[in-house]
Amino acid sequence: MNHEVQEKLKEFLEAYGWVYRFDGQNIFYSGWRSLNRNYSLRVQLNESLLFFEVKLLSLSELVLEKHRRSILEFILRLNKQISTIKLGIDDEECVVLLAEVFSEQLTYDYLTKLLGIIGYYAEKIQEQILARVHELSIVDHRSHRYLI
């Protein structure tokens, strides 16, 4: 079963025009470029599921500790608003966009729709989180002006 899914995914990614790297086991690496940045896509297979993951941004690099809770709450609210995909935080403190699908659902049409949804939300959610981080830093900056 897993070998069949691997071959289908290879065929579909090639037909979609995406370059990929396969680790020889169960993980595909690919991605795309938008106007603003590159996005890396990781697809892991097991016997019954495909797990799609895109790293959006690093919390430890962008968010001051005092704003961490506010940003995490913001991410949770975003997670509630979106469908088909979900947001998480990985072991490296990166915000990740995730999708899981049953292997038996994998068709070319389904994959192209899913990749479109992943691409749309990756860009939109990253913009929203960065805007929220920016808002917090402006508030933080303004509050420091009055500490003279």
Protein backbone atom coordinates (compact mmCIF):
# COMPACT_ATOMS: atom_id res chain seq x y z
CA MET A 1 0.00 0.00 0.00
CA ASN A 2 2.69 2.50 1.00
CA HIS A 3 4.67 1.91 -2.20
CA GLU A 4 1.55 2.56 -4.29
CA VAL A 5 0.93 5.84 -2.48
CA GLN A 6 4.58 6.85 -2.93
CA GLU A 7 4.36 6.24 -6.66
CA LYS A 8 1.06 8.12 -6.96
CA LEU A 9 2.45 11.09 -5.05
CA LYS A 10 5.58 11.15 -7.23
CA GLU A 11 3.45 11.05 -10.38
CA PHE A 12 1.07 13.76 -9.15
CA LEU A 13 3.83 16.12 -7.98
CA GLU A 14 5.59 15.75 -11.34
CA ALA A 15 2.32 16.37 -13.21
CA TYR A 16 1.73 19.44 -11.03
CA GLY A 17 5.18 20.70 -12.01
CA TRP A 18 6.75 20.61 -8.57
CA VAL A 19 10.29 19.48 -8.00
CA TYR A 20 10.57 17.16 -5.02
CA ARG A 21 13.09 15.11 -3.12
CA PHE A 22 12.14 11.71 -1.73
CA ASP A 23 14.15 10.35 1.19
CA GLY A 24 13.69 6.74 0.02
CA GLN A 25 11.54 5.90 3.02
CA ASN A 26 8.37 7.85 3.71
CA ILE A 27 9.10 11.57 3.38
CA PHE A 28 8.82 13.90 0.39
CA TYR A 29 10.30 17.40 0.41
CA SER A 30 9.07 20.06 -1.97
CA GLY A 31 7.81 23.63 -1.85
CA TRP A 32 7.01 26.78 -3.75
CA ARG A 33 7.98 30.40 -4.07
CA SER A 34 5.60 33.32 -3.58
CA LEU A 35 6.30 36.98 -4.16
CA ASN A 36 7.56 37.39 -0.60
CA ARG A 37 9.35 34.18 0.29
CA ASN A 38 9.97 30.48 -0.23
CA TYR A 39 7.83 27.85 1.47
CA SER A 40 9.07 24.35 2.22
CA LEU A 41 6.58 21.49 2.12
CA ARG A 42 7.17 18.19 3.89
CA VAL A 43 4.87 15.24 3.19
CA GLN A 44 5.20 12.17 5.38
CA LEU A 45 3.45 8.91 4.60
CA ASN A 46 2.40 6.06 6.82
CA GLU A 47 0.17 3.09 6.11
CA SER A 48 -3.06 5.05 5.98
CA LEU A 49 -2.30 8.80 6.10
CA LEU A 50 -0.36 11.57 4.39
CA PHE A 51 0.83 14.38 6.68
CA PHE A 52 1.52 17.74 5.01
CA GLU A 53 3.58 20.33 6.90
CA VAL A 54 4.74 23.85 6.02
CA LYS A 55 6.90 25.87 8.42
CA LEU A 56 5.64 29.45 8.46
CA LEU A 57 7.85 31.34 10.91
CA SER A 58 9.96 30.98 14.01
CA LEU A 59 8.40 32.26 17.22
CA SER A 60 11.72 32.36 19.05
CA GLU A 61 13.19 34.68 16.41
CA LEU A 62 10.20 37.03 16.09
CA VAL A 63 8.35 37.19 19.36
CA LEU A 64 9.57 38.72 22.59
CA GLU A 65 8.89 36.50 25.60
CA LYS A 66 6.45 39.03 27.08
CA HIS A 67 4.31 38.85 23.90
CA ARG A 68 4.46 35.07 23.53
CA ARG A 69 1.14 34.36 25.25
CA SER A 70 -0.66 36.99 23.16
CA ILE A 71 0.72 35.54 19.92
CA LEU A 72 -0.13 31.96 20.93
CA GLU A 73 -3.70 33.03 21.75
CA PHE A 74 -3.88 34.79 18.39
CA ILE A 75 -2.72 31.58 16.66
CA LEU A 76 -5.37 29.56 18.52
CA ARG A 77 -8.08 31.98 17.36
CA LEU A 78 -6.82 31.70 13.78
CA ASN A 79 -6.84 27.92 14.10
CA LYS A 80 -10.53 28.01 15.03
CA GLN A 81 -11.39 30.17 12.00
CA ILE A 82 -9.75 28.04 9.32
CA SER A 83 -10.93 24.77 7.84
CA THR A 84 -9.24 21.81 6.13
CA ILE A 85 -5.88 22.62 7.73
CA LYS A 86 -4.66 23.38 11.23
CA LEU A 87 -1.89 25.31 12.91
CA GLY A 88 0.63 24.05 15.42
CA ILE A 89 3.97 24.74 17.04
CA ASP A 90 6.76 22.26 16.35
CA ASP A 91 9.71 21.26 18.54
CA GLU A 92 11.82 24.09 17.10
CA GLU A 93 9.26 26.76 18.14
CA CYS A 94 8.08 27.28 14.56
CA VAL A 95 4.48 27.93 13.60
CA VAL A 96 3.52 25.14 11.22
CA LEU A 97 0.56 24.66 8.93
CA LEU A 98 -0.63 21.04 8.90
CA ALA A 99 -3.01 18.90 6.89
CA GLU A 100 -3.74 15.20 7.11
CA VAL A 101 -5.52 13.12 4.49
CA PHE A 102 -6.26 9.44 4.12
CA SER A 103 -4.02 7.79 1.54
CA GLU A 104 -7.04 6.31 -0.20
CA GLN A 105 -8.34 9.86 -0.88
CA LEU A 106 -5.27 10.75 -2.92
CA THR A 107 -6.19 11.67 -6.46
CA TYR A 108 -4.59 14.28 -8.66
CA ASP A 109 -7.61 16.58 -8.34
CA TYR A 110 -7.67 16.21 -4.56
CA LEU A 111 -3.93 16.93 -4.30
CA THR A 112 -4.12 20.05 -6.47
CA LYS A 113 -7.01 21.41 -4.40
CA LEU A 114 -5.19 20.62 -1.16
CA LEU A 115 -1.96 22.25 -2.35
CA GLY A 116 -3.95 25.33 -3.35
CA ILE A 117 -5.55 25.51 0.10
CA ILE A 118 -2.18 24.99 1.81
CA GLY A 119 -0.56 27.71 -0.30
CA TYR A 120 -3.38 30.17 0.26
CA TYR A 121 -3.46 29.69 4.03
CA ALA A 122 0.34 29.61 4.39
CA GLU A 123 0.63 33.08 2.90
CA LYS A 124 -2.48 34.53 4.53
CA ILE A 125 -1.76 33.17 8.02
CA GLN A 126 1.88 34.20 7.92
CA GLU A 127 0.81 37.75 6.98
CA GLN A 128 -1.73 37.84 9.82
CA ILE A 129 0.75 36.60 12.43
CA LEU A 130 3.43 39.03 11.28
CA ALA A 131 0.90 41.89 11.38
CA ARG A 132 -0.02 40.93 14.96
CA VAL A 133 3.65 40.77 15.96
CA HIS A 134 4.12 44.20 14.39
CA GLU A 135 1.10 45.60 16.29
CA LEU A 136 2.52 44.32 19.57
CA SER A 137 5.92 45.80 18.86
CA ILE A 138 4.36 49.19 18.05
CA VAL A 139 2.40 49.11 21.30
CA ASP A 140 5.57 48.07 23.11
CA HIS A 141 7.55 50.82 21.44
CA ARG A 142 4.92 53.46 22.23
CA SER A 143 4.76 52.43 25.87
CA HIS A 144 8.53 52.89 26.19
CA ARG A 145 8.27 56.50 25.04
CA TYR A 146 6.30 57.37 28.14
CA LEU A 147 8.78 55.83 30.58
CA ILE A 148 11.07 58.87 30.53
